[in-house]
Amino acid sequence: MTRRSAPGVAVLSIFAERLVEACRARLPDLSGITVVVPNLLIAPALRSAIARAVAGPVLLPRIVTLSGWTDQSLEGFEPRC
């Protein structure tokens, strides 16, 4: 019997590789990047995937949910007319 990873693991690995390639000039400091995810349950697996893609020391990006990102983005926001 072949043991397979959950489908999400492959997606996270592909995302991590593309993120690292797109942000190669920033390495090893990806802390200025924000990654928005559907829920924080995938954050540990995403952090691991990014670390594997970098294959060296790295300051990881901030990982937030959409609601967490909007809450922080709207902090102090005052509409103007």
N, C-alpha and C. Protein backbone atom coordinates (compact mmCIF):
# COMPACT_ATOMS: atom_id res chain seq x y z
N MET A 1 0.84 -1.17 0.00
CA MET A 1 0.00 0.00 0.00
C MET A 1 0.89 1.25 0.00
N THR A 2 0.63 2.15 -0.91
CA THR A 2 1.40 3.39 -1.00
C THR A 2 0.77 4.44 -0.11
N ARG A 3 1.57 5.04 0.71
CA ARG A 3 1.08 6.11 1.59
C ARG A 3 1.18 7.44 0.85
N ARG A 4 0.11 8.19 0.82
CA ARG A 4 0.08 9.46 0.10
C ARG A 4 -0.13 10.60 1.09
N SER A 5 0.42 11.74 0.75
CA SER A 5 0.20 12.94 1.55
C SER A 5 -1.19 13.49 1.27
N ALA A 6 -1.68 14.26 2.19
CA ALA A 6 -2.95 14.95 1.95
C ALA A 6 -2.80 15.87 0.76
N PRO A 7 -3.84 16.03 -0.06
CA PRO A 7 -3.74 16.88 -1.25
C PRO A 7 -3.24 18.29 -0.94
N GLY A 8 -3.60 18.82 0.22
CA GLY A 8 -3.20 20.17 0.60
C GLY A 8 -1.69 20.33 0.72
N VAL A 9 -1.00 19.27 1.11
CA VAL A 9 0.45 19.34 1.29
C VAL A 9 1.14 19.68 -0.03
N ALA A 10 0.71 19.06 -1.11
CA ALA A 10 1.31 19.34 -2.43
C ALA A 10 1.04 20.78 -2.84
N VAL A 11 -0.16 21.26 -2.59
CA VAL A 11 -0.50 22.64 -2.93
C VAL A 11 0.36 23.61 -2.14
N LEU A 12 0.55 23.34 -0.86
CA LEU A 12 1.37 24.22 -0.03
C LEU A 12 2.82 24.22 -0.50
N SER A 13 3.33 23.06 -0.90
CA SER A 13 4.71 22.98 -1.40
C SER A 13 4.88 23.78 -2.68
N ILE A 14 3.92 23.66 -3.58
CA ILE A 14 3.98 24.43 -4.83
C ILE A 14 3.90 25.92 -4.54
N PHE A 15 2.98 26.31 -3.66
CA PHE A 15 2.86 27.72 -3.29
C PHE A 15 4.17 28.23 -2.69
N ALA A 16 4.74 27.46 -1.77
CA ALA A 16 5.99 27.86 -1.10
C ALA A 16 7.12 28.03 -2.11
N GLU A 17 7.25 27.11 -3.04
CA GLU A 17 8.30 27.21 -4.06
C GLU A 17 8.12 28.46 -4.91
N ARG A 18 6.88 28.75 -5.30
CA ARG A 18 6.61 29.94 -6.11
C ARG A 18 6.84 31.22 -5.32
N LEU A 19 6.46 31.21 -4.05
CA LEU A 19 6.70 32.38 -3.20
C LEU A 19 8.19 32.66 -3.07
N VAL A 20 8.95 31.62 -2.80
CA VAL A 20 10.40 31.78 -2.63
C VAL A 20 11.04 32.26 -3.93
N GLU A 21 10.62 31.71 -5.05
CA GLU A 21 11.18 32.14 -6.34
C GLU A 21 10.84 33.60 -6.62
N ALA A 22 9.60 33.99 -6.37
CA ALA A 22 9.17 35.36 -6.64
C ALA A 22 9.84 36.37 -5.70
N CYS A 23 10.20 35.92 -4.52
CA CYS A 23 10.76 36.83 -3.51
C CYS A 23 12.23 36.55 -3.22
N ARG A 24 12.90 35.90 -4.15
CA ARG A 24 14.30 35.51 -3.94
C ARG A 24 15.19 36.69 -3.53
N ALA A 25 14.93 37.87 -4.06
CA ALA A 25 15.75 39.05 -3.74
C ALA A 25 15.63 39.45 -2.27
N ARG A 26 14.56 39.04 -1.63
CA ARG A 26 14.35 39.39 -0.21
C ARG A 26 15.00 38.39 0.75
N LEU A 27 15.35 37.21 0.26
CA LEU A 27 15.88 36.18 1.15
C LEU A 27 17.14 36.64 1.85
N PRO A 28 17.31 36.27 3.10
CA PRO A 28 16.53 35.32 3.89
C PRO A 28 15.40 35.97 4.70
N ASP A 29 15.08 37.23 4.45
CA ASP A 29 14.07 37.93 5.25
C ASP A 29 12.76 38.08 4.50
N LEU A 30 11.85 37.15 4.76
CA LEU A 30 10.51 37.22 4.17
C LEU A 30 9.50 37.80 5.16
N SER A 31 9.98 38.37 6.27
CA SER A 31 9.08 38.85 7.32
C SER A 31 8.24 40.05 6.89
N GLY A 32 8.60 40.72 5.82
CA GLY A 32 7.82 41.84 5.33
C GLY A 32 6.66 41.43 4.43
N ILE A 33 6.50 40.14 4.22
CA ILE A 33 5.45 39.62 3.35
C ILE A 33 4.31 39.09 4.22
N THR A 34 3.09 39.32 3.77
CA THR A 34 1.91 38.78 4.45
C THR A 34 1.25 37.77 3.53
N VAL A 35 1.00 36.58 4.04
CA VAL A 35 0.31 35.53 3.30
C VAL A 35 -1.06 35.35 3.95
N VAL A 36 -2.12 35.47 3.15
CA VAL A 36 -3.48 35.32 3.65
C VAL A 36 -3.96 33.90 3.33
N VAL A 37 -4.42 33.21 4.37
CA VAL A 37 -4.87 31.82 4.24
C VAL A 37 -6.31 31.70 4.71
N PRO A 38 -7.03 30.64 4.31
CA PRO A 38 -8.43 30.50 4.71
C PRO A 38 -8.61 30.25 6.21
N ASN A 39 -7.66 29.56 6.83
CA ASN A 39 -7.70 29.35 8.28
C ASN A 39 -6.29 29.08 8.77
N LEU A 40 -6.09 29.30 10.05
CA LEU A 40 -4.74 29.17 10.60
C LEU A 40 -4.31 27.73 10.85
N LEU A 41 -5.20 26.77 10.62
CA LEU A 41 -4.83 25.37 10.79
C LEU A 41 -3.73 24.95 9.81
N ILE A 42 -3.66 25.63 8.66
CA ILE A 42 -2.62 25.25 7.68
C ILE A 42 -1.31 26.02 7.89
N ALA A 43 -1.29 26.97 8.81
CA ALA A 43 -0.09 27.79 9.02
C ALA A 43 1.16 26.96 9.33
N PRO A 44 1.13 25.99 10.25
CA PRO A 44 2.34 25.21 10.52
C PRO A 44 2.86 24.48 9.28
N ALA A 45 1.95 23.88 8.50
CA ALA A 45 2.38 23.16 7.29
C ALA A 45 2.94 24.13 6.26
N LEU A 46 2.35 25.32 6.16
CA LEU A 46 2.85 26.31 5.22
C LEU A 46 4.23 26.81 5.64
N ARG A 47 4.42 27.06 6.93
CA ARG A 47 5.75 27.47 7.42
C ARG A 47 6.80 26.41 7.09
N SER A 48 6.46 25.16 7.31
CA SER A 48 7.39 24.06 7.00
C SER A 48 7.70 24.00 5.51
N ALA A 49 6.68 24.18 4.68
CA ALA A 49 6.87 24.14 3.23
C ALA A 49 7.79 25.28 2.77
N ILE A 50 7.61 26.45 3.34
CA ILE A 50 8.48 27.59 2.98
C ILE A 50 9.91 27.33 3.42
N ALA A 51 10.07 26.82 4.63
CA ALA A 51 11.42 26.51 5.13
C ALA A 51 12.11 25.48 4.23
N ARG A 52 11.37 24.46 3.79
CA ARG A 52 11.95 23.45 2.88
C ARG A 52 12.32 24.08 1.54
N ALA A 53 11.48 24.98 1.04
CA ALA A 53 11.74 25.60 -0.26
C ALA A 53 12.97 26.51 -0.21
N VAL A 54 13.19 27.14 0.93
CA VAL A 54 14.36 28.02 1.08
C VAL A 54 15.62 27.19 1.28
N ALA A 55 15.50 26.10 2.02
CA ALA A 55 16.63 25.21 2.32
C ALA A 55 17.78 25.94 2.98
N GLY A 56 17.46 26.78 3.92
CA GLY A 56 18.45 27.54 4.68
C GLY A 56 17.73 28.39 5.71
N PRO A 57 18.48 29.19 6.44
CA PRO A 57 17.84 30.05 7.43
C PRO A 57 16.90 31.05 6.75
N VAL A 58 15.77 31.30 7.38
CA VAL A 58 14.80 32.22 6.80
C VAL A 58 13.95 32.85 7.90
N LEU A 59 13.66 34.12 7.75
CA LEU A 59 12.65 34.78 8.58
C LEU A 59 11.34 34.64 7.82
N LEU A 60 10.42 33.92 8.40
CA LEU A 60 9.19 33.56 7.70
C LEU A 60 8.22 34.74 7.55
N PRO A 61 7.35 34.66 6.53
CA PRO A 61 6.35 35.70 6.35
C PRO A 61 5.27 35.62 7.42
N ARG A 62 4.54 36.69 7.55
CA ARG A 62 3.39 36.73 8.45
C ARG A 62 2.25 35.97 7.77
N ILE A 63 1.59 35.09 8.51
CA ILE A 63 0.50 34.30 7.97
C ILE A 63 -0.77 34.66 8.75
N VAL A 64 -1.79 35.13 8.04
CA VAL A 64 -3.03 35.57 8.67
C VAL A 64 -4.23 35.07 7.88
N THR A 65 -5.39 35.10 8.52
CA THR A 65 -6.64 34.82 7.82
C THR A 65 -7.13 36.12 7.20
N LEU A 66 -8.09 36.00 6.29
CA LEU A 66 -8.65 37.20 5.67
C LEU A 66 -9.27 38.11 6.72
N SER A 67 -10.01 37.54 7.66
CA SER A 67 -10.63 38.38 8.68
C SER A 67 -9.57 39.02 9.58
N GLY A 68 -8.53 38.30 9.90
CA GLY A 68 -7.44 38.87 10.70
C GLY A 68 -6.72 39.99 9.97
N TRP A 69 -6.54 39.80 8.68
CA TRP A 69 -5.86 40.81 7.87
C TRP A 69 -6.72 42.07 7.76
N THR A 70 -8.02 41.91 7.51
CA THR A 70 -8.88 43.08 7.38
C THR A 70 -9.04 43.79 8.71
N ASP A 71 -9.13 43.03 9.80
CA ASP A 71 -9.22 43.67 11.13
C ASP A 71 -8.02 44.57 11.37
N GLN A 72 -6.85 44.08 11.05
CA GLN A 72 -5.63 44.87 11.28
C GLN A 72 -5.54 46.02 10.28
N SER A 73 -5.94 45.77 9.03
CA SER A 73 -5.86 46.80 8.01
C SER A 73 -6.82 47.95 8.30
N LEU A 74 -7.95 47.65 8.92
CA LEU A 74 -8.95 48.68 9.20
C LEU A 74 -8.71 49.40 10.52
N GLU A 75 -7.76 48.93 11.29
CA GLU A 75 -7.45 49.56 12.57
C GLU A 75 -7.01 51.00 12.34
N GLY A 76 -7.71 51.91 12.93
CA GLY A 76 -7.37 53.32 12.77
C GLY A 76 -7.89 53.94 11.48
N PHE A 77 -8.59 53.16 10.68
CA PHE A 77 -9.13 53.69 9.40
C PHE A 77 -10.31 54.59 9.67
N GLU A 78 -10.30 55.75 9.05
CA GLU A 78 -11.43 56.67 9.15
C GLU A 78 -11.79 57.12 7.75
N PRO A 79 -13.03 56.83 7.33
CA PRO A 79 -13.44 57.23 5.98
C PRO A 79 -13.49 58.75 5.85
N ARG A 80 -13.18 59.20 4.67
CA ARG A 80 -13.25 60.63 4.37
C ARG A 80 -14.15 60.85 3.19
N CYS A 81 -14.92 61.93 3.24
CA CYS A 81 -15.82 62.26 2.13
C CYS A 81 -15.34 63.52 1.43
